[in-house]
Amino acid sequence: MPPTIPYATLPSTEDLGPADREALIEHGMALKTLSTNQALKEMKKCA
């Protein structure tokens, strides 16, 4: 498992490129549900 990163240190989805968003998901980062939903919406817009 990847090291746990405190939520506050994670960049906002607006600062991430598509590859970075995929990397976050691939590593199973435990994002708060609301932020995860927001990230998924952002990904769908970029897809």
PDB file of N, CA and C in Angstrom:
ATOM      1  N   MET A   1       0.848  -1.205   0.000  1.00  0.00           N
ATOM      2  CA  MET A   1       0.000   0.000   0.000  1.00  0.00           C
ATOM      3  C   MET A   1       0.877   1.247   0.000  1.00  0.00           C
ATOM      4  N   PRO A   2       0.425   2.301  -0.673  1.00  0.00           N
ATOM      5  CA  PRO A   2       1.191   3.551  -0.656  1.00  0.00           C
ATOM      6  C   PRO A   2       1.092   4.188   0.723  1.00  0.00           C
ATOM      7  N   PRO A   3       2.037   5.043   1.066  1.00  0.00           N
ATOM      8  CA  PRO A   3       1.964   5.713   2.364  1.00  0.00           C
ATOM      9  C   PRO A   3       0.722   6.588   2.439  1.00  0.00           C
ATOM     10  N   THR A   4       0.200   6.737   3.633  1.00  0.00           N
ATOM     11  CA  THR A   4      -0.987   7.568   3.806  1.00  0.00           C
ATOM     12  C   THR A   4      -0.585   9.036   3.754  1.00  0.00           C
ATOM     13  N   ILE A   5      -1.295   9.808   2.962  1.00  0.00           N
ATOM     14  CA  ILE A   5      -1.015  11.237   2.849  1.00  0.00           C
ATOM     15  C   ILE A   5      -2.164  11.988   3.510  1.00  0.00           C
ATOM     16  N   PRO A   6      -1.840  12.866   4.468  1.00  0.00           N
ATOM     17  CA  PRO A   6      -2.907  13.630   5.120  1.00  0.00           C
ATOM     18  C   PRO A   6      -3.745  14.366   4.076  1.00  0.00           C
ATOM     19  N   TYR A   7      -5.049  14.385   4.282  1.00  0.00           N
ATOM     20  CA  TYR A   7      -5.959  14.979   3.301  1.00  0.00           C
ATOM     21  C   TYR A   7      -5.551  16.416   2.960  1.00  0.00           C
ATOM     22  N   ALA A   8      -5.129  17.161   3.968  1.00  0.00           N
ATOM     23  CA  ALA A   8      -4.826  18.578   3.761  1.00  0.00           C
ATOM     24  C   ALA A   8      -3.667  18.784   2.796  1.00  0.00           C
ATOM     25  N   THR A   9      -2.808  17.775   2.639  1.00  0.00           N
ATOM     26  CA  THR A   9      -1.639  17.951   1.775  1.00  0.00           C
ATOM     27  C   THR A   9      -1.935  17.576   0.332  1.00  0.00           C
ATOM     28  N   LEU A  10      -3.096  16.987   0.078  1.00  0.00           N
ATOM     29  CA  LEU A  10      -3.429  16.607  -1.289  1.00  0.00           C
ATOM     30  C   LEU A  10      -3.780  17.847  -2.098  1.00  0.00           C
ATOM     31  N   PRO A  11      -3.294  17.942  -3.328  1.00  0.00           N
ATOM     32  CA  PRO A  11      -3.646  19.088  -4.153  1.00  0.00           C
ATOM     33  C   PRO A  11      -5.113  19.010  -4.551  1.00  0.00           C
ATOM     34  N   SER A  12      -5.695  20.148  -4.863  1.00  0.00           N
ATOM     35  CA  SER A  12      -7.076  20.120  -5.318  1.00  0.00           C
ATOM     36  C   SER A  12      -7.120  19.507  -6.708  1.00  0.00           C
ATOM     37  N   THR A  13      -8.260  18.963  -7.088  1.00  0.00           N
ATOM     38  CA  THR A  13      -8.372  18.316  -8.396  1.00  0.00           C
ATOM     39  C   THR A  13      -8.109  19.307  -9.515  1.00  0.00           C
ATOM     40  N   GLU A  14      -8.335  20.583  -9.256  1.00  0.00           N
ATOM     41  CA  GLU A  14      -8.123  21.592 -10.296  1.00  0.00           C
ATOM     42  C   GLU A  14      -6.644  21.727 -10.633  1.00  0.00           C
ATOM     43  N   ASP A  15      -5.772  21.337  -9.685  1.00  0.00           N
ATOM     44  CA  ASP A  15      -4.334  21.453  -9.903  1.00  0.00           C
ATOM     45  C   ASP A  15      -3.758  20.208 -10.568  1.00  0.00           C
ATOM     46  N   LEU A  16      -4.585  19.175 -10.702  1.00  0.00           N
ATOM     47  CA  LEU A  16      -4.091  17.906 -11.228  1.00  0.00           C
ATOM     48  C   LEU A  16      -4.419  17.734 -12.699  1.00  0.00           C
ATOM     49  N   GLY A  17      -3.503  17.141 -13.418  1.00  0.00           N
ATOM     50  CA  GLY A  17      -3.767  16.776 -14.796  1.00  0.00           C
ATOM     51  C   GLY A  17      -4.440  15.418 -14.809  1.00  0.00           C
ATOM     52  N   PRO A  18      -4.980  14.982 -15.946  1.00  0.00           N
ATOM     53  CA  PRO A  18      -5.667  13.693 -16.034  1.00  0.00           C
ATOM     54  C   PRO A  18      -4.807  12.535 -15.540  1.00  0.00           C
ATOM     55  N   ALA A  19      -3.512  12.534 -15.873  1.00  0.00           N
ATOM     56  CA  ALA A  19      -2.635  11.442 -15.456  1.00  0.00           C
ATOM     57  C   ALA A  19      -2.492  11.422 -13.934  1.00  0.00           C
ATOM     58  N   ASP A  20      -2.436  12.603 -13.324  1.00  0.00           N
ATOM     59  CA  ASP A  20      -2.311  12.673 -11.879  1.00  0.00           C
ATOM     60  C   ASP A  20      -3.580  12.174 -11.200  1.00  0.00           C
ATOM     61  N   ARG A  21      -4.731  12.511 -11.786  1.00  0.00           N
ATOM     62  CA  ARG A  21      -5.987  12.030 -11.207  1.00  0.00           C
ATOM     63  C   ARG A  21      -6.032  10.508 -11.281  1.00  0.00           C
ATOM     64  N   GLU A  22      -5.617   9.960 -12.416  1.00  0.00           N
ATOM     65  CA  GLU A  22      -5.612   8.502 -12.569  1.00  0.00           C
ATOM     66  C   GLU A  22      -4.673   7.868 -11.557  1.00  0.00           C
ATOM     67  N   ALA A  23      -3.532   8.492 -11.336  1.00  0.00           N
ATOM     68  CA  ALA A  23      -2.556   7.953 -10.391  1.00  0.00           C
ATOM     69  C   ALA A  23      -3.146   7.931  -8.980  1.00  0.00           C
ATOM     70  N   LEU A  24      -3.866   8.981  -8.618  1.00  0.00           N
ATOM     71  CA  LEU A  24      -4.482   9.015  -7.294  1.00  0.00           C
ATOM     72  C   LEU A  24      -5.457   7.855  -7.131  1.00  0.00           C
ATOM     73  N   ILE A  25      -6.256   7.624  -8.168  1.00  0.00           N
ATOM     74  CA  ILE A  25      -7.253   6.559  -8.096  1.00  0.00           C
ATOM     75  C   ILE A  25      -6.570   5.188  -8.100  1.00  0.00           C
ATOM     76  N   GLU A  26      -5.558   5.035  -8.955  1.00  0.00           N
ATOM     77  CA  GLU A  26      -4.857   3.756  -9.037  1.00  0.00           C
ATOM     78  C   GLU A  26      -4.225   3.388  -7.700  1.00  0.00           C
ATOM     79  N   HIS A  27      -3.755   4.373  -6.966  1.00  0.00           N
ATOM     80  CA  HIS A  27      -3.122   4.106  -5.682  1.00  0.00           C
ATOM     81  C   HIS A  27      -4.146   4.028  -4.550  1.00  0.00           C
ATOM     82  N   GLY A  28      -5.410   4.169  -4.890  1.00  0.00           N
ATOM     83  CA  GLY A  28      -6.458   4.014  -3.884  1.00  0.00           C
ATOM     84  C   GLY A  28      -6.369   5.020  -2.762  1.00  0.00           C
ATOM     85  N   MET A  29      -6.012   6.242  -3.080  1.00  0.00           N
ATOM     86  CA  MET A  29      -5.936   7.272  -2.046  1.00  0.00           C
ATOM     87  C   MET A  29      -7.302   7.398  -1.360  1.00  0.00           C
ATOM     88  N   ALA A  30      -7.271   7.496  -0.049  1.00  0.00           N
ATOM     89  CA  ALA A  30      -8.520   7.605   0.695  1.00  0.00           C
ATOM     90  C   ALA A  30      -8.958   9.066   0.747  1.00  0.00           C
ATOM     91  N   LEU A  31      -9.584   9.517  -0.326  1.00  0.00           N
ATOM     92  CA  LEU A  31     -10.090  10.874  -0.357  1.00  0.00           C
ATOM     93  C   LEU A  31     -11.452  10.913   0.319  1.00  0.00           C
ATOM     94  N   LYS A  32     -11.798  12.048   0.834  1.00  0.00           N
ATOM     95  CA  LYS A  32     -13.135  12.190   1.411  1.00  0.00           C
ATOM     96  C   LYS A  32     -14.156  11.964   0.304  1.00  0.00           C
ATOM     97  N   THR A  33     -15.294  11.406   0.658  1.00  0.00           N
ATOM     98  CA  THR A  33     -16.298  11.037  -0.337  1.00  0.00           C
ATOM     99  C   THR A  33     -16.668  12.208  -1.242  1.00  0.00           C
ATOM    100  N   LEU A  34     -16.878  13.376  -0.667  1.00  0.00           N
ATOM    101  CA  LEU A  34     -17.272  14.534  -1.457  1.00  0.00           C
ATOM    102  C   LEU A  34     -16.186  14.881  -2.469  1.00  0.00           C
ATOM    103  N   SER A  35     -14.934  14.872  -2.014  1.00  0.00           N
ATOM    104  CA  SER A  35     -13.834  15.209  -2.904  1.00  0.00           C
ATOM    105  C   SER A  35     -13.662  14.147  -3.975  1.00  0.00           C
ATOM    106  N   THR A  36     -13.916  12.889  -3.611  1.00  0.00           N
ATOM    107  CA  THR A  36     -13.823  11.813  -4.597  1.00  0.00           C
ATOM    108  C   THR A  36     -14.876  12.019  -5.671  1.00  0.00           C
ATOM    109  N   ASN A  37     -16.092  12.347  -5.260  1.00  0.00           N
ATOM    110  CA  ASN A  37     -17.153  12.592  -6.229  1.00  0.00           C
ATOM    111  C   ASN A  37     -16.788  13.767  -7.133  1.00  0.00           C
ATOM    112  N   GLN A  38     -16.202  14.802  -6.550  1.00  0.00           N
ATOM    113  CA  GLN A  38     -15.800  15.966  -7.347  1.00  0.00           C
ATOM    114  C   GLN A  38     -14.726  15.566  -8.341  1.00  0.00           C
ATOM    115  N   ALA A  39     -13.775  14.747  -7.898  1.00  0.00           N
ATOM    116  CA  ALA A  39     -12.693  14.309  -8.781  1.00  0.00           C
ATOM    117  C   ALA A  39     -13.258  13.483  -9.931  1.00  0.00           C
ATOM    118  N   LEU A  40     -14.225  12.626  -9.630  1.00  0.00           N
ATOM    119  CA  LEU A  40     -14.821  11.808 -10.690  1.00  0.00           C
ATOM    120  C   LEU A  40     -15.541  12.689 -11.706  1.00  0.00           C
ATOM    121  N   LYS A  41     -16.222  13.723 -11.223  1.00  0.00           N
ATOM    122  CA  LYS A  41     -16.897  14.642 -12.141  1.00  0.00           C
ATOM    123  C   LYS A  41     -15.871  15.338 -13.024  1.00  0.00           C
ATOM    124  N   GLU A  42     -14.747  15.740 -12.433  1.00  0.00           N
ATOM    125  CA  GLU A  42     -13.698  16.409 -13.199  1.00  0.00           C
ATOM    126  C   GLU A  42     -13.148  15.465 -14.266  1.00  0.00           C
ATOM    127  N   MET A  43     -12.967  14.211 -13.891  1.00  0.00           N
ATOM    128  CA  MET A  43     -12.428  13.231 -14.824  1.00  0.00           C
ATOM    129  C   MET A  43     -13.391  13.026 -15.999  1.00  0.00           C
ATOM    130  N   LYS A  44     -14.678  12.965 -15.699  1.00  0.00           N
ATOM    131  CA  LYS A  44     -15.669  12.754 -16.759  1.00  0.00           C
ATOM    132  C   LYS A  44     -15.666  13.923 -17.738  1.00  0.00           C
ATOM    133  N   LYS A  45     -15.414  15.143 -17.212  1.00  0.00           N
ATOM    134  CA  LYS A  45     -15.371  16.305 -18.091  1.00  0.00           C
ATOM    135  C   LYS A  45     -14.158  16.229 -19.019  1.00  0.00           C
ATOM    136  N   CYS A  46     -13.063  15.645 -18.515  1.00  0.00           N
ATOM    137  CA  CYS A  46     -11.829  15.570 -19.303  1.00  0.00           C
ATOM    138  C   CYS A  46     -11.816  14.367 -20.236  1.00  0.00           C
ATOM    139  N   ALA A  47     -12.664  13.387 -19.974  1.00  0.00           N
ATOM    140  CA  ALA A  47     -12.640  12.151 -20.765  1.00  0.00           C
ATOM    141  C   ALA A  47     -13.100  12.395 -22.198  1.00  0.00           C
TER     142      ALA A  47
END
